[in-house]
PDB file of N, CA and C in Angstrom:
ATOM      1  N   MET A   1      75.060   6.940   1.446  1.00  0.00           N
ATOM      2  CA  MET A   1      74.152   8.027   0.599  1.00  0.00           C
ATOM      3  C   MET A   1      74.666   7.692  -0.486  1.00  0.00           C
ATOM      4  N   ASN A   2      73.230   7.496  -1.903  1.00  0.00           N
ATOM      5  CA  ASN A   2      73.605   7.869  -3.046  1.00  0.00           C
ATOM      6  C   ASN A   2      74.030   8.742  -3.804  1.00  0.00           C
ATOM      7  N   GLY A   3      74.776   8.534  -4.930  1.00  0.00           N
ATOM      8  CA  GLY A   3      75.291   9.850  -5.759  1.00  0.00           C
ATOM      9  C   GLY A   3      74.246  10.404  -6.889  1.00  0.00           C
ATOM     10  N   GLU A   4      74.788  10.867  -7.244  1.00  0.00           N
ATOM     11  CA  GLU A   4      74.002  11.122  -8.661  1.00  0.00           C
ATOM     12  C   GLU A   4      73.570  10.241  -9.341  1.00  0.00           C
ATOM     13  N   GLY A   5      72.124  10.215  -9.990  1.00  0.00           N
ATOM     14  CA  GLY A   5      71.395   8.948 -10.293  1.00  0.00           C
ATOM     15  C   GLY A   5      71.168   7.985  -9.967  1.00  0.00           C
ATOM     16  N   GLY A   6      71.058   8.211  -8.529  1.00  0.00           N
ATOM     17  CA  GLY A   6      70.929   7.345  -7.466  1.00  0.00           C
ATOM     18  C   GLY A   6      72.008   6.112  -7.519  1.00  0.00           C
ATOM     19  N   ALA A   7      72.640   6.219  -7.753  1.00  0.00           N
ATOM     20  CA  ALA A   7      74.187   5.660  -7.777  1.00  0.00           C
ATOM     21  C   ALA A   7      74.728   5.293  -6.462  1.00  0.00           C
ATOM     22  N   VAL A   8      74.951   3.710  -6.508  1.00  0.00           N
ATOM     23  CA  VAL A   8      75.962   3.856  -4.958  1.00  0.00           C
ATOM     24  C   VAL A   8      77.210   4.569  -4.859  1.00  0.00           C
ATOM     25  N   ALA A   9      77.210   5.176  -4.082  1.00  0.00           N
ATOM     26  CA  ALA A   9      78.273   6.605  -3.678  1.00  0.00           C
ATOM     27  C   ALA A   9      79.153   5.822  -2.873  1.00  0.00           C
ATOM     28  N   VAL A  10      80.452   5.718  -3.450  1.00  0.00           N
ATOM     29  CA  VAL A  10      81.938   4.831  -3.120  1.00  0.00           C
ATOM     30  C   VAL A  10      83.211   6.052  -3.089  1.00  0.00           C
ATOM     31  N   LEU A  11      84.077   5.472  -1.799  1.00  0.00           N
ATOM     32  CA  LEU A  11      84.654   6.497  -1.607  1.00  0.00           C
ATOM     33  C   LEU A  11      85.927   5.485  -1.429  1.00  0.00           C
ATOM     34  N   VAL A  12      86.680   5.402  -2.040  1.00  0.00           N
ATOM     35  CA  VAL A  12      87.982   5.080  -2.385  1.00  0.00           C
ATOM     36  C   VAL A  12      88.939   5.310  -1.342  1.00  0.00           C
ATOM     37  N   VAL A  13      89.617   4.670  -0.756  1.00  0.00           N
ATOM     38  CA  VAL A  13      90.912   5.005   0.452  1.00  0.00           C
ATOM     39  C   VAL A  13      92.360   4.120   0.001  1.00  0.00           C
ATOM     40  N   ASP A  14      93.236   4.076  -0.369  1.00  0.00           N
ATOM     41  CA  ASP A  14      94.567   3.626  -1.079  1.00  0.00           C
ATOM     42  C   ASP A  14      95.695   4.167  -0.863  1.00  0.00           C
ATOM     43  N   ASP A  15      96.671   3.843  -0.242  1.00  0.00           N
ATOM     44  CA  ASP A  15      97.841   5.334  -0.510  1.00  0.00           C
ATOM     45  C   ASP A  15      98.867   5.312  -1.648  1.00  0.00           C
ATOM     46  N   GLN A  16      98.250   4.328  -2.265  1.00  0.00           N
ATOM     47  CA  GLN A  16      99.032   3.706  -3.385  1.00  0.00           C
ATOM     48  C   GLN A  16      98.304   3.713  -4.523  1.00  0.00           C
ATOM     49  N   ASP A  17      99.016   4.924  -5.400  1.00  0.00           N
ATOM     50  CA  ASP A  17      98.202   5.338  -6.499  1.00  0.00           C
ATOM     51  C   ASP A  17      97.349   4.258  -7.589  1.00  0.00           C
ATOM     52  N   LEU A  18      98.241   3.339  -7.671  1.00  0.00           N
ATOM     53  CA  LEU A  18      98.174   2.107  -8.833  1.00  0.00           C
ATOM     54  C   LEU A  18      97.069   1.617  -8.318  1.00  0.00           C
ATOM     55  N   PHE A  19      96.903   1.112  -6.936  1.00  0.00           N
ATOM     56  CA  PHE A  19      95.654   0.358  -6.208  1.00  0.00           C
ATOM     57  C   PHE A  19      94.979   0.952  -6.510  1.00  0.00           C
ATOM     58  N   ARG A  20      95.304   2.127  -6.243  1.00  0.00           N
ATOM     59  CA  ARG A  20      94.200   3.409  -6.006  1.00  0.00           C
ATOM     60  C   ARG A  20      93.074   3.316  -7.349  1.00  0.00           C
ATOM     61  N   GLY A  21      93.748   3.422  -8.628  1.00  0.00           N
ATOM     62  CA  GLY A  21      93.264   3.871  -9.488  1.00  0.00           C
ATOM     63  C   GLY A  21      92.824   2.427 -10.314  1.00  0.00           C
ATOM     64  N   ILE A  22      93.234   1.215 -10.050  1.00  0.00           N
ATOM     65  CA  ILE A  22      93.077  -0.311 -10.233  1.00  0.00           C
ATOM     66  C   ILE A  22      91.207  -0.582  -9.109  1.00  0.00           C
ATOM     67  N   THR A  23      91.256  -0.479  -8.061  1.00  0.00           N
ATOM     68  CA  THR A  23      90.345   0.044  -7.394  1.00  0.00           C
ATOM     69  C   THR A  23      89.113   1.201  -7.657  1.00  0.00           C
ATOM     70  N   CYS A  24      89.082   1.981  -8.338  1.00  0.00           N
ATOM     71  CA  CYS A  24      88.259   3.042  -8.961  1.00  0.00           C
ATOM     72  C   CYS A  24      87.563   2.042 -10.160  1.00  0.00           C
ATOM     73  N   ALA A  25      88.611   1.684 -10.833  1.00  0.00           N
ATOM     74  CA  ALA A  25      88.111   1.271 -12.534  1.00  0.00           C
ATOM     75  C   ALA A  25      87.227  -0.242 -12.783  1.00  0.00           C
ATOM     76  N   LEU A  26      87.457  -1.069 -10.965  1.00  0.00           N
ATOM     77  CA  LEU A  26      86.490  -1.874 -10.900  1.00  0.00           C
ATOM     78  C   LEU A  26      85.295  -1.771  -9.730  1.00  0.00           C
ATOM     79  N   VAL A  27      85.498  -0.751  -9.083  1.00  0.00           N
ATOM     80  CA  VAL A  27      84.267  -0.608  -8.852  1.00  0.00           C
ATOM     81  C   VAL A  27      83.126   0.329  -9.906  1.00  0.00           C
ATOM     82  N   GLY A  28      83.376   1.383 -11.103  1.00  0.00           N
ATOM     83  CA  GLY A  28      82.722   1.184 -12.488  1.00  0.00           C
ATOM     84  C   GLY A  28      82.499   0.713 -12.995  1.00  0.00           C
ATOM     85  N   MET A  29      83.025  -0.795 -12.964  1.00  0.00           N
ATOM     86  CA  MET A  29      81.899  -2.020 -13.648  1.00  0.00           C
ATOM     87  C   MET A  29      81.162  -2.870 -12.763  1.00  0.00           C
ATOM     88  N   VAL A  30      80.839  -2.073 -11.662  1.00  0.00           N
ATOM     89  CA  VAL A  30      79.230  -2.312 -10.972  1.00  0.00           C
ATOM     90  C   VAL A  30      78.741  -1.813 -11.443  1.00  0.00           C
ATOM     91  N   PRO A  31      77.518  -2.645 -11.739  1.00  0.00           N
ATOM     92  CA  PRO A  31      75.948  -1.588 -12.146  1.00  0.00           C
ATOM     93  C   PRO A  31      75.489  -0.991 -10.847  1.00  0.00           C
ATOM     94  N   GLY A  32      75.506   0.355 -11.256  1.00  0.00           N
ATOM     95  CA  GLY A  32      74.940   1.146 -10.057  1.00  0.00           C
ATOM     96  C   GLY A  32      76.105   1.880  -8.995  1.00  0.00           C
ATOM     97  N   TRP A  33      77.056   1.526  -9.049  1.00  0.00           N
ATOM     98  CA  TRP A  33      78.003   2.495  -8.531  1.00  0.00           C
ATOM     99  C   TRP A  33      78.577   2.853  -8.847  1.00  0.00           C
ATOM    100  N   ARG A  34      79.396   4.089  -7.798  1.00  0.00           N
ATOM    101  CA  ARG A  34      80.097   5.149  -8.563  1.00  0.00           C
ATOM    102  C   ARG A  34      81.004   5.495  -7.551  1.00  0.00           C
ATOM    103  N   VAL A  35      82.194   5.900  -8.055  1.00  0.00           N
ATOM    104  CA  VAL A  35      83.599   6.254  -7.102  1.00  0.00           C
ATOM    105  C   VAL A  35      83.075   7.992  -7.306  1.00  0.00           C
ATOM    106  N   VAL A  36      83.229   8.566  -5.845  1.00  0.00           N
ATOM    107  CA  VAL A  36      82.391  10.104  -5.409  1.00  0.00           C
ATOM    108  C   VAL A  36      83.679  10.481  -5.104  1.00  0.00           C
ATOM    109  N   ALA A  37      84.507  10.165  -4.946  1.00  0.00           N
ATOM    110  CA  ALA A  37      86.115  10.687  -4.129  1.00  0.00           C
ATOM    111  C   ALA A  37      87.385   9.362  -4.069  1.00  0.00           C
ATOM    112  N   GLU A  38      88.439   9.546  -3.641  1.00  0.00           N
ATOM    113  CA  GLU A  38      89.498   9.301  -2.912  1.00  0.00           C
ATOM    114  C   GLU A  38      90.252   9.961  -2.302  1.00  0.00           C
ATOM    115  N   ALA A  39      90.942   8.910  -1.507  1.00  0.00           N
ATOM    116  CA  ALA A  39      92.085   9.973  -0.335  1.00  0.00           C
ATOM    117  C   ALA A  39      92.950   8.471  -0.245  1.00  0.00           C
ATOM    118  N   ALA A  40      93.858   9.266  -0.078  1.00  0.00           N
ATOM    119  CA  ALA A  40      95.440   8.970   0.003  1.00  0.00           C
ATOM    120  C   ALA A  40      95.717   8.449   1.716  1.00  0.00           C
ATOM    121  N   SER A  41      94.874   8.572   2.481  1.00  0.00           N
ATOM    122  CA  SER A  41      95.353   8.785   3.884  1.00  0.00           C
ATOM    123  C   SER A  41      94.599   8.332   4.428  1.00  0.00           C
ATOM    124  N   GLY A  42      94.362   7.987   5.918  1.00  0.00           N
ATOM    125  CA  GLY A  42      93.536   7.205   6.612  1.00  0.00           C
ATOM    126  C   GLY A  42      92.557   8.393   7.069  1.00  0.00           C
ATOM    127  N   GLU A  43      93.014   9.632   7.898  1.00  0.00           N
ATOM    128  CA  GLU A  43      92.480  10.995   7.996  1.00  0.00           C
ATOM    129  C   GLU A  43      91.507  11.652   6.894  1.00  0.00           C
ATOM    130  N   GLU A  44      92.132  11.790   5.761  1.00  0.00           N
ATOM    131  CA  GLU A  44      91.560  12.460   4.396  1.00  0.00           C
ATOM    132  C   GLU A  44      89.976  11.613   4.276  1.00  0.00           C
ATOM    133  N   GLY A  45      90.525   9.662   4.626  1.00  0.00           N
ATOM    134  CA  GLY A  45      89.317   9.418   4.648  1.00  0.00           C
ATOM    135  C   GLY A  45      88.274   9.723   4.858  1.00  0.00           C
ATOM    136  N   VAL A  46      88.483   9.757   6.697  1.00  0.00           N
ATOM    137  CA  VAL A  46      87.456   9.980   7.887  1.00  0.00           C
ATOM    138  C   VAL A  46      86.647  11.164   7.250  1.00  0.00           C
ATOM    139  N   ILE A  47      88.010  12.723   6.728  1.00  0.00           N
ATOM    140  CA  ILE A  47      87.209  13.564   6.222  1.00  0.00           C
ATOM    141  C   ILE A  47      86.491  13.794   5.274  1.00  0.00           C
ATOM    142  N   LEU A  48      86.551  12.863   4.506  1.00  0.00           N
ATOM    143  CA  LEU A  48      85.376  12.580   3.088  1.00  0.00           C
ATOM    144  C   LEU A  48      84.314  12.263   3.044  1.00  0.00           C
ATOM    145  N   VAL A  49      84.919  10.818   4.574  1.00  0.00           N
ATOM    146  CA  VAL A  49      82.916  10.169   4.616  1.00  0.00           C
ATOM    147  C   VAL A  49      82.351  11.876   5.503  1.00  0.00           C
ATOM    148  N   GLN A  50      82.863  12.246   5.951  1.00  0.00           N
ATOM    149  CA  GLN A  50      81.776  13.458   6.939  1.00  0.00           C
ATOM    150  C   GLN A  50      81.447  14.233   6.045  1.00  0.00           C
ATOM    151  N   ARG A  51      82.429  14.406   4.918  1.00  0.00           N
ATOM    152  CA  ARG A  51      81.716  15.189   3.885  1.00  0.00           C
ATOM    153  C   ARG A  51      80.966  15.223   2.885  1.00  0.00           C
ATOM    154  N   ILE A  52      81.275  13.595   2.512  1.00  0.00           N
ATOM    155  CA  ILE A  52      80.143  13.588   1.273  1.00  0.00           C
ATOM    156  C   ILE A  52      79.279  12.787   1.776  1.00  0.00           C
ATOM    157  N   ARG A  53      79.727  11.764   2.810  1.00  0.00           N
ATOM    158  CA  ARG A  53      78.920  10.557   3.327  1.00  0.00           C
ATOM    159  C   ARG A  53      78.599   9.540   2.071  1.00  0.00           C
ATOM    160  N   PRO A  54      79.019   8.868   1.644  1.00  0.00           N
ATOM    161  CA  PRO A  54      78.678   8.016   0.754  1.00  0.00           C
ATOM    162  C   PRO A  54      78.541   6.563   1.764  1.00  0.00           C
ATOM    163  N   ALA A  55      78.414   6.165   0.793  1.00  0.00           N
ATOM    164  CA  ALA A  55      77.263   4.655   1.323  1.00  0.00           C
ATOM    165  C   ALA A  55      78.341   3.614   1.254  1.00  0.00           C
ATOM    166  N   VAL A  56      79.039   3.757   0.548  1.00  0.00           N
ATOM    167  CA  VAL A  56      80.538   2.463   0.559  1.00  0.00           C
ATOM    168  C   VAL A  56      81.646   2.621   1.022  1.00  0.00           C
ATOM    169  N   VAL A  57      82.592   2.543   1.452  1.00  0.00           N
ATOM    170  CA  VAL A  57      84.034   3.208   1.631  1.00  0.00           C
ATOM    171  C   VAL A  57      85.027   1.775   1.956  1.00  0.00           C
ATOM    172  N   LEU A  58      85.767   1.814   0.214  1.00  0.00           N
ATOM    173  CA  LEU A  58      86.961   0.530   0.407  1.00  0.00           C
ATOM    174  C   LEU A  58      88.071   0.794   0.923  1.00  0.00           C
ATOM    175  N   MET A  59      88.766   0.373   1.725  1.00  0.00           N
ATOM    176  CA  MET A  59      89.792   1.635   3.007  1.00  0.00           C
ATOM    177  C   MET A  59      90.868  -0.154   2.563  1.00  0.00           C
ATOM    178  N   ASP A  60      92.080   0.598   2.584  1.00  0.00           N
ATOM    179  CA  ASP A  60      93.554  -0.123   2.464  1.00  0.00           C
ATOM    180  C   ASP A  60      93.694  -0.207   4.280  1.00  0.00           C
ATOM    181  N   VAL A  61      93.819  -1.375   4.170  1.00  0.00           N
ATOM    182  CA  VAL A  61      94.712  -1.883   6.050  1.00  0.00           C
ATOM    183  C   VAL A  61      95.624  -0.952   6.095  1.00  0.00           C
ATOM    184  N   TYR A  62      96.659  -0.710   5.271  1.00  0.00           N
ATOM    185  CA  TYR A  62      97.753  -0.055   5.676  1.00  0.00           C
ATOM    186  C   TYR A  62      98.099   1.114   5.054  1.00  0.00           C
ATOM    187  N   LEU A  63      97.752   2.294   5.833  1.00  0.00           N
ATOM    188  CA  LEU A  63      97.805   3.353   5.170  1.00  0.00           C
ATOM    189  C   LEU A  63      99.075   4.312   6.000  1.00  0.00           C
ATOM    190  N   PRO A  64      99.607   5.577   5.823  1.00  0.00           N
ATOM    191  CA  PRO A  64     100.219   6.189   6.630  1.00  0.00           C
ATOM    192  C   PRO A  64      99.766   6.630   7.485  1.00  0.00           C
ATOM    193  N   GLY A  65     100.321   7.343   8.499  1.00  0.00           N
ATOM    194  CA  GLY A  65      99.183   8.157   9.197  1.00  0.00           C
ATOM    195  C   GLY A  65      98.399   7.004  10.125  1.00  0.00           C
ATOM    196  N   ILE A  66      97.275   7.354  10.390  1.00  0.00           N
ATOM    197  CA  ILE A  66      96.168   6.408  11.177  1.00  0.00           C
ATOM    198  C   ILE A  66      95.744   4.862   9.970  1.00  0.00           C
ATOM    199  N   ASN A  67      95.775   4.098  10.665  1.00  0.00           N
ATOM    200  CA  ASN A  67      95.785   2.765   9.258  1.00  0.00           C
ATOM    201  C   ASN A  67      94.629   2.694   9.159  1.00  0.00           C
ATOM    202  N   GLY A  68      93.678   1.940   7.942  1.00  0.00           N
ATOM    203  CA  GLY A  68      92.661   1.512   7.946  1.00  0.00           C
ATOM    204  C   GLY A  68      91.937   0.933   8.867  1.00  0.00           C
ATOM    205  N   ILE A  69      92.146   1.002   9.747  1.00  0.00           N
ATOM    206  CA  ILE A  69      91.396  -0.307  10.503  1.00  0.00           C
ATOM    207  C   ILE A  69      90.576   1.091  11.762  1.00  0.00           C
ATOM    208  N   GLU A  70      91.634   2.082  12.249  1.00  0.00           N
ATOM    209  CA  GLU A  70      91.638   2.772  13.257  1.00  0.00           C
ATOM    210  C   GLU A  70      90.505   3.687  12.376  1.00  0.00           C
ATOM    211  N   ALA A  71      90.732   4.478  10.698  1.00  0.00           N
ATOM    212  CA  ALA A  71      89.933   5.049   9.979  1.00  0.00           C
ATOM    213  C   ALA A  71      88.534   4.313   9.787  1.00  0.00           C
ATOM    214  N   THR A  72      88.400   3.229   9.902  1.00  0.00           N
ATOM    215  CA  THR A  72      87.126   2.270   9.823  1.00  0.00           C
ATOM    216  C   THR A  72      86.547   2.735  11.429  1.00  0.00           C
ATOM    217  N   ARG A  73      87.022   2.722  12.412  1.00  0.00           N
ATOM    218  CA  ARG A  73      86.533   2.619  13.812  1.00  0.00           C
ATOM    219  C   ARG A  73      85.662   4.157  13.577  1.00  0.00           C
ATOM    220  N   ARG A  74      86.808   5.099  13.288  1.00  0.00           N
ATOM    221  CA  ARG A  74      85.906   6.252  13.374  1.00  0.00           C
ATOM    222  C   ARG A  74      84.851   6.846  12.254  1.00  0.00           C
ATOM    223  N   ILE A  75      85.342   5.937  10.766  1.00  0.00           N
ATOM    224  CA  ILE A  75      84.151   6.429  10.124  1.00  0.00           C
ATOM    225  C   ILE A  75      82.290   5.913  11.047  1.00  0.00           C
ATOM    226  N   VAL A  76      82.760   4.453  11.206  1.00  0.00           N
ATOM    227  CA  VAL A  76      82.200   3.241  11.432  1.00  0.00           C
ATOM    228  C   VAL A  76      81.138   4.384  13.337  1.00  0.00           C
ATOM    229  N   ALA A  77      81.771   5.047  13.867  1.00  0.00           N
ATOM    230  CA  ALA A  77      81.276   5.067  14.966  1.00  0.00           C
ATOM    231  C   ALA A  77      80.872   6.666  14.800  1.00  0.00           C
ATOM    232  N   GLY A  78      81.011   7.242  13.641  1.00  0.00           N
ATOM    233  CA  GLY A  78      80.256   8.685  13.626  1.00  0.00           C
ATOM    234  C   GLY A  78      79.248   8.446  12.064  1.00  0.00           C
ATOM    235  N   ASN A  79      79.433   7.301  11.907  1.00  0.00           N
ATOM    236  CA  ASN A  79      78.559   7.087  10.516  1.00  0.00           C
ATOM    237  C   ASN A  79      77.860   5.602  10.787  1.00  0.00           C
ATOM    238  N   PRO A  80      77.354   4.953  11.439  1.00  0.00           N
ATOM    239  CA  PRO A  80      76.741   3.794  11.371  1.00  0.00           C
ATOM    240  C   PRO A  80      76.005   3.249   9.873  1.00  0.00           C
ATOM    241  N   THR A  81      75.941   3.612   9.368  1.00  0.00           N
ATOM    242  CA  THR A  81      75.091   3.545   8.207  1.00  0.00           C
ATOM    243  C   THR A  81      76.151   3.158   6.835  1.00  0.00           C
ATOM    244  N   VAL A  82      77.205   3.676   7.514  1.00  0.00           N
ATOM    245  CA  VAL A  82      78.239   3.649   5.876  1.00  0.00           C
ATOM    246  C   VAL A  82      79.052   1.992   5.878  1.00  0.00           C
ATOM    247  N   ASN A  83      78.967   1.395   4.892  1.00  0.00           N
ATOM    248  CA  ASN A  83      79.651   0.293   4.483  1.00  0.00           C
ATOM    249  C   ASN A  83      80.970   0.125   4.486  1.00  0.00           C
ATOM    250  N   VAL A  84      82.072   0.207   5.388  1.00  0.00           N
ATOM    251  CA  VAL A  84      83.357  -0.118   5.204  1.00  0.00           C
ATOM    252  C   VAL A  84      83.988  -1.241   4.700  1.00  0.00           C
ATOM    253  N   LEU A  85      84.566  -1.722   3.808  1.00  0.00           N
ATOM    254  CA  LEU A  85      84.877  -2.997   3.026  1.00  0.00           C
ATOM    255  C   LEU A  85      86.822  -2.727   3.061  1.00  0.00           C
ATOM    256  N   LEU A  86      87.219  -3.565   4.262  1.00  0.00           N
ATOM    257  CA  LEU A  86      88.881  -3.531   4.155  1.00  0.00           C
ATOM    258  C   LEU A  86      89.288  -4.459   3.245  1.00  0.00           C
ATOM    259  N   MET A  87      90.603  -3.677   2.892  1.00  0.00           N
ATOM    260  CA  MET A  87      91.262  -4.289   1.171  1.00  0.00           C
ATOM    261  C   MET A  87      92.710  -4.441   2.174  1.00  0.00           C
ATOM    262  N   SER A  88      93.134  -5.187   1.833  1.00  0.00           N
ATOM    263  CA  SER A  88      94.703  -5.824   1.941  1.00  0.00           C
ATOM    264  C   SER A  88      95.408  -6.444   0.599  1.00  0.00           C
ATOM    265  N   SER A  89      96.959  -6.279   0.425  1.00  0.00           N
ATOM    266  CA  SER A  89      97.360  -7.322  -0.441  1.00  0.00           C
ATOM    267  C   SER A  89      97.765  -8.674   1.008  1.00  0.00           C
ATOM    268  N   TYR A  90      97.212  -8.642   1.851  1.00  0.00           N
ATOM    269  CA  TYR A  90      98.072  -9.677   3.345  1.00  0.00           C
ATOM    270  C   TYR A  90      96.755 -10.628   3.104  1.00  0.00           C
ATOM    271  N   ALA A  91      97.260 -11.980   3.628  1.00  0.00           N
ATOM    272  CA  ALA A  91      95.806 -12.755   3.853  1.00  0.00           C
ATOM    273  C   ALA A  91      95.497 -11.859   5.206  1.00  0.00           C
ATOM    274  N   ALA A  92      94.258 -12.884   5.090  1.00  0.00           N
ATOM    275  CA  ALA A  92      93.449 -12.050   6.333  1.00  0.00           C
ATOM    276  C   ALA A  92      94.113 -12.727   7.785  1.00  0.00           C
ATOM    277  N   ASP A  93      94.785 -13.846   7.927  1.00  0.00           N
ATOM    278  CA  ASP A  93      95.582 -14.217   8.839  1.00  0.00           C
ATOM    279  C   ASP A  93      96.356 -13.246   9.692  1.00  0.00           C
ATOM    280  N   ASP A  94      97.084 -12.518   8.703  1.00  0.00           N
ATOM    281  CA  ASP A  94      98.437 -11.698   8.723  1.00  0.00           C
ATOM    282  C   ASP A  94      97.814 -10.448   8.854  1.00  0.00           C
ATOM    283  N   LEU A  95      96.885  -9.749   9.106  1.00  0.00           N
ATOM    284  CA  LEU A  95      96.386  -8.536   9.294  1.00  0.00           C
ATOM    285  C   LEU A  95      96.555  -8.310  11.009  1.00  0.00           C
ATOM    286  N   PRO A  96      97.121  -7.017  11.213  1.00  0.00           N
ATOM    287  CA  PRO A  96      96.755  -6.036  12.671  1.00  0.00           C
ATOM    288  C   PRO A  96      95.669  -6.487  13.666  1.00  0.00           C
ATOM    289  N   PRO A  97      96.048  -6.709  14.645  1.00  0.00           N
ATOM    290  CA  PRO A  97      95.303  -6.904  15.471  1.00  0.00           C
ATOM    291  C   PRO A  97      93.932  -5.773  15.232  1.00  0.00           C
ATOM    292  N   GLY A  98      93.123  -5.788  15.923  1.00  0.00           N
ATOM    293  CA  GLY A  98      91.788  -5.028  15.211  1.00  0.00           C
ATOM    294  C   GLY A  98      91.013  -5.101  14.347  1.00  0.00           C
ATOM    295  N   THR A  99      91.452  -6.182  13.616  1.00  0.00           N
ATOM    296  CA  THR A  99      90.363  -5.988  11.978  1.00  0.00           C
ATOM    297  C   THR A  99      88.997  -6.680  12.400  1.00  0.00           C
ATOM    298  N   ASP A 100      89.508  -7.531  13.359  1.00  0.00           N
ATOM    299  CA  ASP A 100      87.486  -8.001  13.456  1.00  0.00           C
ATOM    300  C   ASP A 100      86.750  -7.112  14.201  1.00  0.00           C
ATOM    301  N   ASP A 101      86.986  -6.845  15.002  1.00  0.00           N
ATOM    302  CA  ASP A 101      86.078  -5.711  16.104  1.00  0.00           C
ATOM    303  C   ASP A 101      86.414  -4.025  15.255  1.00  0.00           C
ATOM    304  N   CYS A 102      86.484  -3.445  14.728  1.00  0.00           N
ATOM    305  CA  CYS A 102      86.575  -2.146  14.310  1.00  0.00           C
ATOM    306  C   CYS A 102      85.900  -2.245  13.203  1.00  0.00           C
ATOM    307  N   GLY A 103      84.403  -2.695  13.069  1.00  0.00           N
ATOM    308  CA  GLY A 103      83.069  -2.257  11.768  1.00  0.00           C
ATOM    309  C   GLY A 103      83.193  -2.065  11.009  1.00  0.00           C
ATOM    310  N   ALA A 104      84.347  -2.952  10.045  1.00  0.00           N
ATOM    311  CA  ALA A 104      83.926  -3.194   8.780  1.00  0.00           C
ATOM    312  C   ALA A 104      82.969  -4.181   8.775  1.00  0.00           C
ATOM    313  N   ALA A 105      82.333  -3.542   7.052  1.00  0.00           N
ATOM    314  CA  ALA A 105      81.171  -4.972   6.758  1.00  0.00           C
ATOM    315  C   ALA A 105      82.052  -6.291   6.348  1.00  0.00           C
ATOM    316  N   GLY A 106      83.604  -6.363   6.380  1.00  0.00           N
ATOM    317  CA  GLY A 106      84.000  -7.415   5.374  1.00  0.00           C
ATOM    318  C   GLY A 106      85.673  -7.283   5.246  1.00  0.00           C
ATOM    319  N   TYR A 107      86.262  -8.099   4.212  1.00  0.00           N
ATOM    320  CA  TYR A 107      87.536  -8.167   4.486  1.00  0.00           C
ATOM    321  C   TYR A 107      88.034  -8.684   2.868  1.00  0.00           C
ATOM    322  N   ILE A 108      88.175  -8.133   2.079  1.00  0.00           N
ATOM    323  CA  ILE A 108      88.905  -8.489   0.556  1.00  0.00           C
ATOM    324  C   ILE A 108      90.772  -8.332   0.348  1.00  0.00           C
ATOM    325  N   ARG A 109      90.799  -9.125   0.042  1.00  0.00           N
ATOM    326  CA  ARG A 109      92.649  -9.636  -0.825  1.00  0.00           C
ATOM    327  C   ARG A 109      91.911  -8.553  -2.102  1.00  0.00           C
ATOM    328  N   LYS A 110      93.284  -8.023  -1.834  1.00  0.00           N
ATOM    329  CA  LYS A 110      93.812  -6.955  -3.424  1.00  0.00           C
ATOM    330  C   LYS A 110      93.205  -7.081  -4.622  1.00  0.00           C
ATOM    331  N   ASP A 111      94.303  -8.857  -4.376  1.00  0.00           N
ATOM    332  CA  ASP A 111      94.354  -9.457  -5.979  1.00  0.00           C
ATOM    333  C   ASP A 111      93.013 -10.537  -6.028  1.00  0.00           C
ATOM    334  N   GLU A 112      92.032 -10.544  -5.086  1.00  0.00           N
ATOM    335  CA  GLU A 112      90.939 -11.507  -5.573  1.00  0.00           C
ATOM    336  C   GLU A 112      89.480 -10.418  -5.626  1.00  0.00           C
ATOM    337  N   LEU A 113      89.834  -8.793  -5.490  1.00  0.00           N
ATOM    338  CA  LEU A 113      88.740  -7.904  -5.772  1.00  0.00           C
ATOM    339  C   LEU A 113      88.388  -7.738  -7.193  1.00  0.00           C
ATOM    340  N   THR A 114      87.156  -7.806  -7.082  1.00  0.00           N
ATOM    341  CA  THR A 114      86.070  -8.247  -8.309  1.00  0.00           C
ATOM    342  C   THR A 114      84.714  -7.125  -8.352  1.00  0.00           C
ATOM    343  N   PRO A 115      84.104  -6.903  -8.898  1.00  0.00           N
ATOM    344  CA  PRO A 115      82.951  -6.603  -9.390  1.00  0.00           C
ATOM    345  C   PRO A 115      82.196  -7.300  -8.111  1.00  0.00           C
ATOM    346  N   ALA A 116      81.656  -8.425  -8.814  1.00  0.00           N
ATOM    347  CA  ALA A 116      81.199  -9.453  -8.206  1.00  0.00           C
ATOM    348  C   ALA A 116      81.502  -9.864  -6.853  1.00  0.00           C
ATOM    349  N   ILE A 117      82.783  -9.780  -6.464  1.00  0.00           N
ATOM    350  CA  ILE A 117      83.378  -9.591  -5.064  1.00  0.00           C
ATOM    351  C   ILE A 117      82.631  -8.653  -3.770  1.00  0.00           C
ATOM    352  N   LEU A 118      82.812  -7.538  -4.650  1.00  0.00           N
ATOM    353  CA  LEU A 118      82.425  -6.297  -3.972  1.00  0.00           C
ATOM    354  C   LEU A 118      80.859  -6.397  -3.527  1.00  0.00           C
ATOM    355  N   LEU A 119      79.947  -6.855  -4.613  1.00  0.00           N
ATOM    356  CA  LEU A 119      78.430  -7.288  -4.707  1.00  0.00           C
ATOM    357  C   LEU A 119      77.935  -7.795  -3.408  1.00  0.00           C
ATOM    358  N   GLU A 120      78.893  -9.080  -3.810  1.00  0.00           N
ATOM    359  CA  GLU A 120      78.821 -10.479  -2.465  1.00  0.00           C
ATOM    360  C   GLU A 120      78.682  -9.656  -1.519  1.00  0.00           C
ATOM    361  N   LEU A 121      79.901  -9.233  -1.030  1.00  0.00           N
ATOM    362  CA  LEU A 121      80.577  -8.704   0.313  1.00  0.00           C
ATOM    363  C   LEU A 121      79.365  -7.558   1.230  1.00  0.00           C
ATOM    364  N   LEU A 122      79.039  -7.001   0.343  1.00  0.00           N
ATOM    365  CA  LEU A 122      77.819  -5.963   1.258  1.00  0.00           C
ATOM    366  C   LEU A 122      76.296  -6.476   1.065  1.00  0.00           C
ATOM    367  N   ARG A 123      76.639  -7.749   0.518  1.00  0.00           N
ATOM    368  CA  ARG A 123      75.456  -8.485   0.862  1.00  0.00           C
ATOM    369  C   ARG A 123      75.132  -9.521   2.099  1.00  0.00           C
ATOM    370  N   ARG A 124      76.472  -9.812   2.384  1.00  0.00           N
ATOM    371  CA  ARG A 124      75.790 -10.662   3.384  1.00  0.00           C
ATOM    372  C   ARG A 124      75.827 -10.025   4.882  1.00  0.00           C
TER     373      ARG A 124
END
């Protein structure tokens, strides 16, 4: 769903305040995108998706409680039009099982995250 002024509504889910802040700042650099909410856990992310219906969720893989993979499964099952992009500091080969079939639209390493990469991943 689009946010105010037709902007693409984005939810950022990361338990680390620093990475969450950096991700929010990068989203703010994408023309037409706007962070509408932040979450620090998978459970909180799932609840917020139901409440605010963002178009995009940037989801950390390793979270306390349910991890980002399980949170993504739950989000996509109830909201198939939401694009979830998984993020982690780890290489794709080092991610836990289930990453490939959880319903995520893509994966990006946190150290490679840029506004251009965000747009590219969602165009695939």
